Amino acid sequence: MGRAATTPRPRLGVVKLASCDGCQLMLLDLEDELLAIAERIDIVEFPEASTHRSSGPYDVVLVEGSVSTPEQLEQILEVRREAKLLVTIGACATAGGIQAMRNWREHDAFRAAVYAHPEYVDSLATAQPVADYVKVDAELRGCPISAEQLVEFVTALLTGRRANLPDEAVCADCKRAGRVCVMVARGIPCLGPVTMTGCGSLCPGFDRGCYACFGPREQANVASLSREFIRTGLPPVEAGRLFAGFTGYAEPFRALVTELGGVPGTTAVPHAASAADTAAARPGGTR
């Protein structure tokens, strides 16, 4: 009797553009799951982990980083041609990342301020999310991405089902964890109502406002939240600045930042004391 044919394992590639490598490291940090994943998937291209290089085609490619140079633009177009599924991972790939803050300012001035010989640096005028140039089949958000969401995506890929990735506000995580709302109780501006969950509401858990490292959730009402910030005493430019972080170049954050004037590089405006500051200033008051 002949040997039964075996199904070839999916070919996985990991590609880096302009980024810090933190999201790639989340794959390597899956200590309990990595060996099981490697038994089911051929990781054929992963410069962060191996000097062995392999060209396409790929069944799935994980792309970290924004498109910031002409070379990277050519690279992502080639990767798209070679990949059946292209998945962007992290804030840089999905929203432009921290480097996209320069998109609101003059490109040549930034380059001259950073590099001794800016003429040697071949960069694009803007740092863009991957989806601005090619079709993206799925996104894993975060800075860095969630290890749990990465495992869920890979598991879904291997079992042929749709990945069960959340699309709810960070506030939902706070409610489940029984955390007191920092906006209501302390007057701390928080982007949790408009931010996609995935971090486990980490910042509110340490009595800080969420700063949207997982980016805007679907149908995020950023206009309403910014009006609330302004109503409680925050100048419009400072309200806009709150949305101009890791994921500030993702819509609808991008439009709001431009509208309110809180673009990166502007001078901070002194604002009225928050409810927490006011309470702390009273006799016997505590933070």
Protein backbone atom coordinates (compact mmCIF):
# COMPACT_ATOMS: atom_id res chain seq x y z
CA MET A 1 0.00 0.00 0.00
CA GLY A 2 1.40 3.39 -0.98
CA ARG A 3 2.16 6.03 1.60
CA ALA A 4 -0.63 8.56 2.05
CA ALA A 5 0.12 12.01 0.72
CA THR A 6 0.84 14.59 3.37
CA THR A 7 -0.45 18.15 3.23
CA PRO A 8 2.43 20.62 2.89
CA ARG A 9 2.86 22.95 5.81
CA PRO A 10 2.03 26.64 5.22
CA ARG A 11 5.02 28.81 4.36
CA LEU A 12 5.31 31.80 6.70
CA GLY A 13 7.45 34.87 6.14
CA VAL A 14 8.13 37.74 8.53
CA VAL A 15 9.11 41.07 6.99
CA LYS A 16 10.40 44.23 8.66
CA LEU A 17 10.01 47.77 7.34
CA ALA A 18 10.52 50.96 9.45
CA SER A 19 10.01 49.74 13.02
CA CYS A 20 11.65 48.82 16.32
CA ASP A 21 11.30 45.00 15.93
CA GLY A 22 9.14 44.76 19.07
CA CYS A 23 6.20 43.08 17.33
CA GLN A 24 8.46 40.48 15.71
CA LEU A 25 9.87 39.71 19.14
CA MET A 26 6.37 38.86 20.34
CA LEU A 27 6.51 35.83 18.06
CA LEU A 28 9.86 34.76 19.50
CA ASP A 29 8.54 35.36 23.03
CA LEU A 30 5.81 32.74 22.63
CA GLU A 31 7.86 30.31 24.70
CA ASP A 32 5.03 27.90 25.45
CA GLU A 33 3.54 27.91 21.96
CA LEU A 34 6.46 28.51 19.58
CA LEU A 35 7.61 24.90 19.22
CA ALA A 36 4.05 23.72 18.53
CA ILE A 37 3.66 26.48 15.93
CA ALA A 38 6.97 25.56 14.30
CA GLU A 39 5.78 21.95 13.97
CA ARG A 40 2.76 23.07 11.94
CA ILE A 41 4.21 25.98 9.94
CA ASP A 42 7.40 26.40 7.93
CA ILE A 43 8.88 29.74 9.03
CA VAL A 44 10.93 30.25 5.88
CA GLU A 45 11.76 33.96 6.11
CA PHE A 46 12.46 35.67 9.43
CA PRO A 47 15.64 37.82 9.48
CA GLU A 48 15.11 38.69 13.16
CA ALA A 49 15.51 35.00 14.07
CA SER A 50 17.72 33.47 11.38
CA THR A 51 20.35 34.36 8.80
CA HIS A 52 18.74 31.86 6.43
CA ARG A 53 16.82 33.75 3.77
CA SER A 54 14.08 32.43 1.50
CA SER A 55 12.15 34.02 -1.34
CA GLY A 56 8.43 33.57 -1.97
CA PRO A 57 5.84 32.51 -2.65
CA TYR A 58 4.45 32.56 0.89
CA ASP A 59 1.14 31.36 2.24
CA VAL A 60 1.16 34.14 4.82
CA VAL A 61 3.46 37.07 5.52
CA LEU A 62 3.54 39.08 8.75
CA VAL A 63 4.68 42.64 8.03
CA GLU A 64 6.01 44.90 10.77
CA GLY A 65 6.72 48.59 10.22
CA SER A 66 5.59 51.55 8.14
CA VAL A 67 6.58 52.33 4.57
CA SER A 68 9.12 55.14 4.99
CA THR A 69 11.65 54.79 2.16
CA PRO A 70 11.51 54.18 -1.60
CA GLU A 71 13.22 50.83 -1.03
CA GLN A 72 10.53 49.78 1.43
CA LEU A 73 7.84 50.77 -1.02
CA GLU A 74 9.35 48.47 -3.65
CA GLN A 75 9.71 45.76 -1.01
CA ILE A 76 6.08 45.81 0.09
CA LEU A 77 4.85 45.72 -3.50
CA GLU A 78 7.01 42.63 -4.09
CA VAL A 79 5.86 41.00 -0.84
CA ARG A 80 2.23 41.55 -1.82
CA ARG A 81 2.81 39.79 -5.14
CA GLU A 82 4.41 36.81 -3.37
CA ALA A 83 1.94 36.43 -0.46
CA LYS A 84 -1.43 34.71 -0.43
CA LEU A 85 -2.23 36.43 2.86
CA LEU A 86 -0.58 39.66 4.00
CA VAL A 87 -1.03 40.51 7.68
CA THR A 88 0.19 43.77 9.18
CA ILE A 89 1.37 43.58 12.79
CA GLY A 90 1.72 46.50 15.18
CA ALA A 91 1.04 50.23 15.24
CA CYS A 92 3.72 51.08 12.67
CA ALA A 93 2.35 48.75 10.00
CA THR A 94 -1.33 49.43 10.71
CA ALA A 95 -1.25 53.16 11.52
CA GLY A 96 2.16 54.54 10.54
CA GLY A 97 3.54 54.39 14.07
CA ILE A 98 5.59 56.93 15.93
CA GLN A 99 7.51 57.85 12.77
CA ALA A 100 4.29 59.04 11.10
CA MET A 101 4.25 61.99 13.49
CA ARG A 102 6.54 63.72 11.01
CA ASN A 103 3.82 63.57 8.36
CA TRP A 104 2.23 66.75 9.74
CA ARG A 105 5.50 68.68 9.51
CA GLU A 106 8.04 69.61 6.83
CA HIS A 107 9.98 66.49 5.83
CA ASP A 108 13.31 68.08 4.89
CA ALA A 109 13.45 70.11 8.11
CA PHE A 110 13.00 66.97 10.21
CA ARG A 111 15.64 65.11 8.25
CA ALA A 112 18.13 67.98 8.61
CA ALA A 113 17.52 68.17 12.37
CA VAL A 114 18.20 64.46 12.90
CA TYR A 115 21.02 63.58 10.49
CA ALA A 116 24.42 65.24 10.14
CA HIS A 117 24.31 64.57 6.38
CA PRO A 118 20.62 64.49 5.41
CA GLU A 119 21.57 64.25 1.74
CA TYR A 120 22.64 60.65 2.40
CA VAL A 121 19.20 59.65 3.70
CA ASP A 122 16.76 58.48 1.05
CA SER A 123 13.34 58.68 2.67
CA LEU A 124 9.79 59.29 1.52
CA ALA A 125 8.07 62.55 2.42
CA THR A 126 5.66 60.62 4.66
CA ALA A 127 5.71 57.39 6.69
CA GLN A 128 2.56 55.48 5.73
CA PRO A 129 0.68 52.41 6.94
CA VAL A 130 1.10 49.38 4.69
CA ALA A 131 -2.59 49.45 3.70
CA ASP A 132 -2.04 52.84 2.02
CA TYR A 133 -0.06 51.02 -0.70
CA VAL A 134 -1.26 47.40 -0.93
CA LYS A 135 -4.24 45.23 0.01
CA VAL A 136 -4.01 43.96 3.58
CA ASP A 137 -5.87 40.78 4.52
CA ALA A 138 -5.77 41.15 8.32
CA GLU A 139 -4.39 43.44 11.02
CA LEU A 140 -2.96 42.73 14.45
CA ARG A 141 -2.92 46.02 16.36
CA GLY A 142 -0.84 47.26 19.26
CA CYS A 143 2.56 48.61 20.27
CA PRO A 144 3.57 45.85 20.57
CA ILE A 145 0.93 43.38 19.42
CA SER A 146 -0.88 41.11 21.86
CA ALA A 147 0.70 37.66 22.19
CA GLU A 148 -2.76 36.19 22.77
CA GLN A 149 -4.10 37.72 19.55
CA LEU A 150 -1.08 36.42 17.63
CA VAL A 151 -1.66 32.88 18.91
CA GLU A 152 -5.36 33.16 18.07
CA PHE A 153 -4.59 34.29 14.53
CA VAL A 154 -2.07 31.51 13.88
CA THR A 155 -4.41 28.90 15.39
CA ALA A 156 -7.26 30.10 13.18
CA LEU A 157 -4.98 29.96 10.14
CA LEU A 158 -4.02 26.36 10.88
CA THR A 159 -7.58 25.19 11.56
CA GLY A 160 -9.15 27.00 8.63
CA ARG A 161 -11.47 29.24 10.62
CA ARG A 162 -11.85 32.98 11.04
CA ALA A 163 -9.73 34.52 13.79
CA ASN A 164 -11.75 35.70 16.79
CA LEU A 165 -10.17 39.11 17.33
CA PRO A 166 -11.92 41.66 19.58
CA ASP A 167 -13.51 44.87 18.38
CA GLU A 168 -14.60 46.58 21.56
CA ALA A 169 -13.42 49.57 23.53
CA VAL A 170 -10.76 49.44 26.23
CA CYS A 171 -13.56 50.51 28.59
CA ALA A 172 -15.02 47.00 28.31
CA ASP A 173 -11.79 45.55 29.71
CA CYS A 174 -11.86 48.06 32.58
CA LYS A 175 -15.44 47.05 33.42
CA ARG A 176 -14.61 43.34 33.42
CA ALA A 177 -11.58 43.96 35.65
CA GLY A 178 -13.64 46.04 38.08
CA ARG A 179 -11.47 49.12 37.61
CA VAL A 180 -12.65 52.58 38.61
CA CYS A 181 -12.89 54.86 35.55
CA VAL A 182 -9.95 57.31 35.64
CA MET A 183 -11.94 59.90 33.69
CA VAL A 184 -14.98 59.84 35.94
CA ALA A 185 -13.20 59.47 39.27
CA ARG A 186 -9.98 61.41 38.66
CA GLY A 187 -10.66 63.71 35.73
CA ILE A 188 -7.77 62.13 33.78
CA PRO A 189 -8.20 62.34 29.98
CA CYS A 190 -8.44 58.79 28.63
CA LEU A 191 -8.83 57.48 25.08
CA GLY A 192 -10.28 54.17 26.24
CA PRO A 193 -13.79 54.86 24.86
CA VAL A 194 -12.48 55.13 21.27
CA THR A 195 -9.57 52.64 21.40
CA MET A 196 -9.66 48.99 20.39
CA THR A 197 -8.96 46.64 23.26
CA GLY A 198 -6.07 44.20 23.28
CA CYS A 199 -3.73 45.46 25.99
CA GLY A 200 -5.88 44.36 28.92
CA SER A 201 -6.53 48.03 29.80
CA LEU A 202 -2.96 48.25 31.06
CA CYS A 203 -2.67 52.02 31.55
CA PRO A 204 -5.97 52.52 33.41
CA GLY A 205 -4.86 49.63 35.62
CA PHE A 206 -1.97 51.86 36.74
CA ASP A 207 -4.20 54.92 37.19
CA ARG A 208 -3.25 56.46 33.83
CA GLY A 209 -5.35 57.42 30.85
CA CYS A 210 -5.28 55.14 27.79
CA TYR A 211 -3.22 56.64 24.97
CA ALA A 212 -4.55 54.42 22.18
CA CYS A 213 -1.61 52.18 21.32
CA PHE A 214 -4.09 49.70 19.73
CA GLY A 215 -5.60 52.42 17.57
CA PRO A 216 -9.18 53.51 16.95
CA ARG A 217 -11.93 50.94 17.15
CA GLU A 218 -14.55 50.73 14.42
CA GLN A 219 -16.96 53.70 14.42
CA ALA A 220 -15.00 55.44 17.18
CA ASN A 221 -16.77 58.69 18.09
CA VAL A 222 -13.63 60.79 18.51
CA ALA A 223 -15.50 64.07 17.99
CA SER A 224 -17.72 63.44 21.01
CA LEU A 225 -14.80 62.43 23.24
CA SER A 226 -12.73 65.46 22.24
CA ARG A 227 -15.68 67.75 23.02
CA GLU A 228 -15.86 66.23 26.48
CA PHE A 229 -12.15 66.91 27.02
CA ILE A 230 -12.65 70.53 25.95
CA ARG A 231 -15.79 70.90 28.10
CA THR A 232 -13.79 69.93 31.19
CA GLY A 233 -11.20 72.64 30.54
CA LEU A 234 -8.66 71.25 28.08
CA PRO A 235 -7.77 73.70 25.26
CA PRO A 236 -8.65 72.32 21.79
CA VAL A 237 -4.99 72.02 20.75
CA GLU A 238 -4.25 69.95 23.84
CA ALA A 239 -7.30 67.78 23.23
CA GLY A 240 -6.04 67.16 19.70
CA ARG A 241 -2.57 66.36 20.99
CA LEU A 242 -3.98 63.45 23.02
CA PHE A 243 -4.93 61.68 19.78
CA ALA A 244 -1.53 62.27 18.11
CA GLY A 245 0.38 59.35 19.60
CA PHE A 246 1.52 55.96 18.28
CA THR A 247 -1.63 55.60 16.19
CA GLY A 248 -2.36 59.26 15.51
CA TYR A 249 -2.07 58.92 11.74
CA ALA A 250 -4.90 56.39 11.61
CA GLU A 251 -8.34 57.73 10.79
CA PRO A 252 -10.38 59.13 12.43
CA PHE A 253 -7.60 60.25 14.79
CA ARG A 254 -5.69 61.87 11.92
CA ALA A 255 -8.53 64.18 10.89
CA LEU A 256 -9.26 65.20 14.46
CA VAL A 257 -5.61 66.07 15.18
CA THR A 258 -5.51 68.23 12.07
CA GLU A 259 -8.84 69.89 12.90
CA LEU A 260 -7.96 70.78 16.49
CA GLY A 261 -4.39 71.81 15.74
CA GLY A 262 -2.72 69.30 18.06
CA VAL A 263 -0.14 68.19 15.52
CA PRO A 264 3.17 66.85 16.88
CA GLY A 265 5.76 69.57 17.32
CA THR A 266 3.37 72.32 18.39
CA THR A 267 3.97 74.12 21.66
CA ALA A 268 1.99 72.89 24.63
CA VAL A 269 -0.72 75.23 25.91
CA PRO A 270 -1.26 75.67 29.66
CA HIS A 271 -4.70 74.41 30.59
CA ALA A 272 -7.11 74.46 33.48
CA ALA A 273 -6.52 72.07 36.35
CA SER A 274 -8.16 68.67 36.08
CA ALA A 275 -10.66 67.45 38.63
CA ALA A 276 -7.88 65.40 40.23
CA ASP A 277 -5.59 68.44 40.53
CA THR A 278 -8.44 70.53 41.98
CA ALA A 279 -9.24 67.87 44.57
CA ALA A 280 -5.58 67.52 45.53
CA ALA A 281 -5.27 71.28 46.06
CA ARG A 282 -8.08 71.40 48.61
CA PRO A 283 -7.16 71.28 52.33
CA GLY A 284 -6.68 67.65 53.19
CA GLY A 285 -7.07 66.67 49.54
CA THR A 286 -5.22 63.63 48.16
CA ARG A 287 -4.48 62.35 44.67
